[in-house]
Amino acid sequence: MKYAVQYLIASMLLAFSTFIAWYEGSAIKDVPWEWKHTALFSTVFNGQITNNSDISQLDYFIYAAKFHPVYPILILFSLSYIATLSGYLLLKNNIKRLTVFLSAISIIHVLLGLTIYSSPTVGGKYFTFAFLFNGLINLSLAILFFLRMRKGTKKKGDFIFFT
């Protein structure tokens, strides 16, 4: 039950943040000088953009992430939380695999943060911090589970360790 509540809250935050980010990103239609730098999906799907009806709605999220990053970062946090919680629930009986999963998620977040580190936009700077923060959280969890596995403590209701 406690995990269902966590999924519900994270899913509601994801839906709310997605809707608001989509709305904020729709401002790209009124900023034609930004189309060349931000409308990446539109360029792939439609080729050259000649008017605002050529802009894909996926590009709304890119524009929101670049210039209004609060809700896109909430999308990132809620998706990361859902992924981490799902990994925990699927792998809690095998701490070694859970540690590897959390380490991999951590590495992915750090690499994404380093990829956009040199972004000149305010959103790029905030996303760099958000990715690195998520990576640090997942790495901390991986270390915590690794140390718990190494210690070998097993209490009632604790994790099942395979040796």
C-alpha atoms as a PDB file:
ATOM      1  CA  MET A   1       0.000   0.000   0.000  1.00  0.00           C
ATOM      2  CA  LYS A   2       2.791   2.434   0.872  1.00  0.00           C
ATOM      3  CA  TYR A   3       4.379   1.893  -2.540  1.00  0.00           C
ATOM      4  CA  ALA A   4       1.059   2.471  -4.315  1.00  0.00           C
ATOM      5  CA  VAL A   5       0.760   5.842  -2.577  1.00  0.00           C
ATOM      6  CA  GLN A   6       4.301   6.737  -3.641  1.00  0.00           C
ATOM      7  CA  TYR A   7       3.546   5.767  -7.239  1.00  0.00           C
ATOM      8  CA  LEU A   8       0.320   7.753  -7.151  1.00  0.00           C
ATOM      9  CA  ILE A   9       1.970  10.912  -5.818  1.00  0.00           C
ATOM     10  CA  ALA A  10       4.882  10.652  -8.270  1.00  0.00           C
ATOM     11  CA  SER A  11       2.493  10.006 -11.178  1.00  0.00           C
ATOM     12  CA  MET A  12       0.306  12.960 -10.227  1.00  0.00           C
ATOM     13  CA  LEU A  13       3.377  15.209 -10.019  1.00  0.00           C
ATOM     14  CA  LEU A  14       4.520  13.872 -13.397  1.00  0.00           C
ATOM     15  CA  ALA A  15       1.148  14.544 -15.044  1.00  0.00           C
ATOM     16  CA  PHE A  16       0.817  18.022 -13.526  1.00  0.00           C
ATOM     17  CA  SER A  17       4.398  19.007 -14.407  1.00  0.00           C
ATOM     18  CA  THR A  18       4.064  17.653 -17.934  1.00  0.00           C
ATOM     19  CA  PHE A  19       0.914  19.661 -18.583  1.00  0.00           C
ATOM     20  CA  ILE A  20       2.401  22.894 -17.218  1.00  0.00           C
ATOM     21  CA  ALA A  21       5.712  22.404 -19.080  1.00  0.00           C
ATOM     22  CA  TRP A  22       3.826  21.718 -22.292  1.00  0.00           C
ATOM     23  CA  TYR A  23       1.808  24.913 -21.784  1.00  0.00           C
ATOM     24  CA  GLU A  24       4.891  27.029 -20.968  1.00  0.00           C
ATOM     25  CA  GLY A  25       6.770  25.577 -23.922  1.00  0.00           C
ATOM     26  CA  SER A  26       4.011  26.533 -26.338  1.00  0.00           C
ATOM     27  CA  ALA A  27       5.474  30.055 -26.205  1.00  0.00           C
ATOM     28  CA  ILE A  28       7.995  28.882 -28.808  1.00  0.00           C
ATOM     29  CA  LYS A  29       5.360  29.547 -31.456  1.00  0.00           C
ATOM     30  CA  ASP A  30       5.717  33.278 -30.784  1.00  0.00           C
ATOM     31  CA  VAL A  31       9.542  33.316 -30.873  1.00  0.00           C
ATOM     32  CA  PRO A  32      10.613  32.632 -34.483  1.00  0.00           C
ATOM     33  CA  TRP A  33      14.315  33.426 -33.903  1.00  0.00           C
ATOM     34  CA  GLU A  34      14.475  30.496 -31.459  1.00  0.00           C
ATOM     35  CA  TRP A  35      13.055  27.933 -33.915  1.00  0.00           C
ATOM     36  CA  LYS A  36      16.456  27.214 -35.445  1.00  0.00           C
ATOM     37  CA  HIS A  37      18.024  26.379 -32.050  1.00  0.00           C
ATOM     38  CA  THR A  38      15.136  24.757 -30.198  1.00  0.00           C
ATOM     39  CA  ALA A  39      12.734  23.117 -32.650  1.00  0.00           C
ATOM     40  CA  LEU A  40      14.825  19.979 -33.083  1.00  0.00           C
ATOM     41  CA  PHE A  41      11.975  17.503 -33.507  1.00  0.00           C
ATOM     42  CA  SER A  42      10.183  19.751 -35.988  1.00  0.00           C
ATOM     43  CA  THR A  43      13.286  19.944 -38.136  1.00  0.00           C
ATOM     44  CA  VAL A  44      13.595  16.158 -38.148  1.00  0.00           C
ATOM     45  CA  PHE A  45       9.896  15.534 -38.871  1.00  0.00           C
ATOM     46  CA  ASN A  46       9.062  18.441 -41.187  1.00  0.00           C
ATOM     47  CA  GLY A  47      12.369  19.686 -42.538  1.00  0.00           C
ATOM     48  CA  GLN A  48      12.559  23.453 -42.635  1.00  0.00           C
ATOM     49  CA  ILE A  49      10.193  25.403 -40.393  1.00  0.00           C
ATOM     50  CA  THR A  50       8.381  28.158 -42.231  1.00  0.00           C
ATOM     51  CA  ASN A  51       5.570  29.034 -39.825  1.00  0.00           C
ATOM     52  CA  ASN A  52       4.514  28.231 -36.292  1.00  0.00           C
ATOM     53  CA  SER A  53       2.152  25.440 -37.341  1.00  0.00           C
ATOM     54  CA  ASP A  54       5.233  23.417 -38.406  1.00  0.00           C
ATOM     55  CA  ILE A  55       6.443  23.173 -34.803  1.00  0.00           C
ATOM     56  CA  SER A  56       6.079  19.782 -33.129  1.00  0.00           C
ATOM     57  CA  GLN A  57       4.580  19.680 -29.667  1.00  0.00           C
ATOM     58  CA  LEU A  58       7.645  17.761 -28.502  1.00  0.00           C
ATOM     59  CA  ASP A  59       9.628  20.938 -29.098  1.00  0.00           C
ATOM     60  CA  TYR A  60       7.453  22.671 -26.510  1.00  0.00           C
ATOM     61  CA  PHE A  61       9.237  20.625 -23.851  1.00  0.00           C
ATOM     62  CA  ILE A  62      12.676  21.569 -25.181  1.00  0.00           C
ATOM     63  CA  TYR A  63      11.733  25.256 -25.124  1.00  0.00           C
ATOM     64  CA  ALA A  64      10.318  24.924 -21.613  1.00  0.00           C
ATOM     65  CA  ALA A  65      13.462  23.109 -20.432  1.00  0.00           C
ATOM     66  CA  LYS A  66      15.677  25.853 -21.860  1.00  0.00           C
ATOM     67  CA  PHE A  67      13.792  28.915 -20.665  1.00  0.00           C
ATOM     68  CA  HIS A  68      11.256  27.814 -17.988  1.00  0.00           C
ATOM     69  CA  PRO A  69      13.016  24.855 -16.321  1.00  0.00           C
ATOM     70  CA  VAL A  70      11.046  24.442 -13.084  1.00  0.00           C
ATOM     71  CA  TYR A  71       8.368  22.062 -14.361  1.00  0.00           C
ATOM     72  CA  PRO A  72      10.652  20.103 -16.717  1.00  0.00           C
ATOM     73  CA  ILE A  73      12.949  19.504 -13.739  1.00  0.00           C
ATOM     74  CA  LEU A  74       9.958  18.270 -11.743  1.00  0.00           C
ATOM     75  CA  ILE A  75       9.278  15.894 -14.659  1.00  0.00           C
ATOM     76  CA  LEU A  76      12.872  14.673 -14.370  1.00  0.00           C
ATOM     77  CA  PHE A  77      12.621  14.166 -10.606  1.00  0.00           C
ATOM     78  CA  SER A  78       9.293  12.344 -10.779  1.00  0.00           C
ATOM     79  CA  LEU A  79      10.458  10.049 -13.608  1.00  0.00           C
ATOM     80  CA  SER A  80      13.682   9.346 -11.753  1.00  0.00           C
ATOM     81  CA  TYR A  81      11.773   8.569  -8.574  1.00  0.00           C
ATOM     82  CA  ILE A  82       9.406   6.221 -10.406  1.00  0.00           C
ATOM     83  CA  ALA A  83      12.351   4.434 -12.058  1.00  0.00           C
ATOM     84  CA  THR A  84      14.250   4.112  -8.782  1.00  0.00           C
ATOM     85  CA  LEU A  85      11.191   2.878  -6.892  1.00  0.00           C
ATOM     86  CA  SER A  86      10.422   0.358  -9.640  1.00  0.00           C
ATOM     87  CA  GLY A  87      14.006  -0.884  -9.612  1.00  0.00           C
ATOM     88  CA  TYR A  88      13.900  -1.239  -5.858  1.00  0.00           C
ATOM     89  CA  LEU A  89      10.655  -3.204  -5.911  1.00  0.00           C
ATOM     90  CA  LEU A  90      11.860  -5.513  -8.683  1.00  0.00           C
ATOM     91  CA  LEU A  91      15.343  -6.081  -7.291  1.00  0.00           C
ATOM     92  CA  LYS A  92      14.982  -5.790  -3.522  1.00  0.00           C
ATOM     93  CA  ASN A  93      15.557  -9.524  -3.099  1.00  0.00           C
ATOM     94  CA  ASN A  94      18.907  -9.308  -4.903  1.00  0.00           C
ATOM     95  CA  ILE A  95      20.962  -6.507  -3.397  1.00  0.00           C
ATOM     96  CA  LYS A  96      23.851  -7.026  -5.827  1.00  0.00           C
ATOM     97  CA  ARG A  97      21.610  -6.364  -8.823  1.00  0.00           C
ATOM     98  CA  LEU A  98      19.936  -3.450  -7.045  1.00  0.00           C
ATOM     99  CA  THR A  99      23.351  -1.912  -6.383  1.00  0.00           C
ATOM    100  CA  VAL A 100      24.333  -2.325 -10.033  1.00  0.00           C
ATOM    101  CA  PHE A 101      20.983  -0.853 -11.153  1.00  0.00           C
ATOM    102  CA  LEU A 102      21.342   2.195  -8.913  1.00  0.00           C
ATOM    103  CA  SER A 103      24.962   2.658  -9.988  1.00  0.00           C
ATOM    104  CA  ALA A 104      23.955   2.528 -13.658  1.00  0.00           C
ATOM    105  CA  ILE A 105      21.175   5.076 -13.097  1.00  0.00           C
ATOM    106  CA  SER A 106      23.699   7.256 -11.286  1.00  0.00           C
ATOM    107  CA  ILE A 107      26.203   7.057 -14.137  1.00  0.00           C
ATOM    108  CA  ILE A 108      23.508   7.905 -16.697  1.00  0.00           C
ATOM    109  CA  HIS A 109      22.451  10.970 -14.707  1.00  0.00           C
ATOM    110  CA  VAL A 110      26.027  12.173 -14.285  1.00  0.00           C
ATOM    111  CA  LEU A 111      26.784  11.694 -17.996  1.00  0.00           C
ATOM    112  CA  LEU A 112      23.634  13.598 -18.980  1.00  0.00           C
ATOM    113  CA  GLY A 113      24.573  16.380 -16.574  1.00  0.00           C
ATOM    114  CA  LEU A 114      28.074  16.613 -17.997  1.00  0.00           C
ATOM    115  CA  THR A 115      26.703  16.568 -21.544  1.00  0.00           C
ATOM    116  CA  ILE A 116      24.699  19.751 -21.020  1.00  0.00           C
ATOM    117  CA  TYR A 117      27.204  21.379 -18.648  1.00  0.00           C
ATOM    118  CA  SER A 118      28.253  24.058 -21.150  1.00  0.00           C
ATOM    119  CA  SER A 119      24.726  25.113 -22.095  1.00  0.00           C
ATOM    120  CA  PRO A 120      24.370  28.903 -22.204  1.00  0.00           C
ATOM    121  CA  THR A 121      20.688  28.882 -21.195  1.00  0.00           C
ATOM    122  CA  VAL A 122      19.366  29.132 -17.667  1.00  0.00           C
ATOM    123  CA  GLY A 123      17.570  25.822 -18.111  1.00  0.00           C
ATOM    124  CA  GLY A 124      20.780  24.075 -19.114  1.00  0.00           C
ATOM    125  CA  LYS A 125      22.494  25.221 -15.952  1.00  0.00           C
ATOM    126  CA  TYR A 126      19.605  24.093 -13.752  1.00  0.00           C
ATOM    127  CA  PHE A 127      19.319  20.778 -15.579  1.00  0.00           C
ATOM    128  CA  THR A 128      23.038  20.175 -15.098  1.00  0.00           C
ATOM    129  CA  PHE A 129      22.583  20.618 -11.363  1.00  0.00           C
ATOM    130  CA  ALA A 130      19.416  18.462 -11.355  1.00  0.00           C
ATOM    131  CA  PHE A 131      21.088  15.605 -13.251  1.00  0.00           C
ATOM    132  CA  LEU A 132      24.162  15.696 -11.028  1.00  0.00           C
ATOM    133  CA  PHE A 133      21.984  15.841  -7.898  1.00  0.00           C
ATOM    134  CA  ASN A 134      19.950  12.827  -9.083  1.00  0.00           C
ATOM    135  CA  GLY A 135      23.193  11.003  -9.857  1.00  0.00           C
ATOM    136  CA  LEU A 136      24.502  11.748  -6.379  1.00  0.00           C
ATOM    137  CA  ILE A 137      21.290  10.523  -4.738  1.00  0.00           C
ATOM    138  CA  ASN A 138      21.318   7.261  -6.711  1.00  0.00           C
ATOM    139  CA  LEU A 139      25.028   6.757  -6.046  1.00  0.00           C
ATOM    140  CA  SER A 140      24.414   7.309  -2.328  1.00  0.00           C
ATOM    141  CA  LEU A 141      21.643   4.710  -2.387  1.00  0.00           C
ATOM    142  CA  ALA A 142      23.894   2.269  -4.253  1.00  0.00           C
ATOM    143  CA  ILE A 143      26.651   2.746  -1.666  1.00  0.00           C
ATOM    144  CA  LEU A 144      24.156   2.341   1.163  1.00  0.00           C
ATOM    145  CA  PHE A 145      22.861  -0.962  -0.234  1.00  0.00           C
ATOM    146  CA  PHE A 146      26.405  -2.134  -1.015  1.00  0.00           C
ATOM    147  CA  LEU A 147      27.522  -1.458   2.559  1.00  0.00           C
ATOM    148  CA  ARG A 148      24.432  -3.189   3.883  1.00  0.00           C
ATOM    149  CA  MET A 149      25.234  -6.176   1.694  1.00  0.00           C
ATOM    150  CA  ARG A 150      28.885  -6.235   2.822  1.00  0.00           C
ATOM    151  CA  LYS A 151      27.907  -5.999   6.461  1.00  0.00           C
ATOM    152  CA  GLY A 152      25.656  -8.999   6.015  1.00  0.00           C
ATOM    153  CA  THR A 153      23.171  -7.895   8.631  1.00  0.00           C
ATOM    154  CA  LYS A 154      19.843  -9.546   8.286  1.00  0.00           C
ATOM    155  CA  LYS A 155      16.926  -8.667  10.482  1.00  0.00           C
ATOM    156  CA  LYS A 156      13.307  -9.643  10.357  1.00  0.00           C
ATOM    157  CA  GLY A 157      11.711  -7.777   7.449  1.00  0.00           C
ATOM    158  CA  ASP A 158      15.121  -6.894   6.026  1.00  0.00           C
ATOM    159  CA  PHE A 159      16.387  -7.809   2.571  1.00  0.00           C
ATOM    160  CA  ILE A 160      17.065 -11.389   1.513  1.00  0.00           C
ATOM    161  CA  PHE A 161      20.736 -11.899   0.766  1.00  0.00           C
ATOM    162  CA  PHE A 162      21.976 -14.527  -1.659  1.00  0.00           C
ATOM    163  CA  THR A 163      25.526 -15.699  -1.054  1.00  0.00           C
END
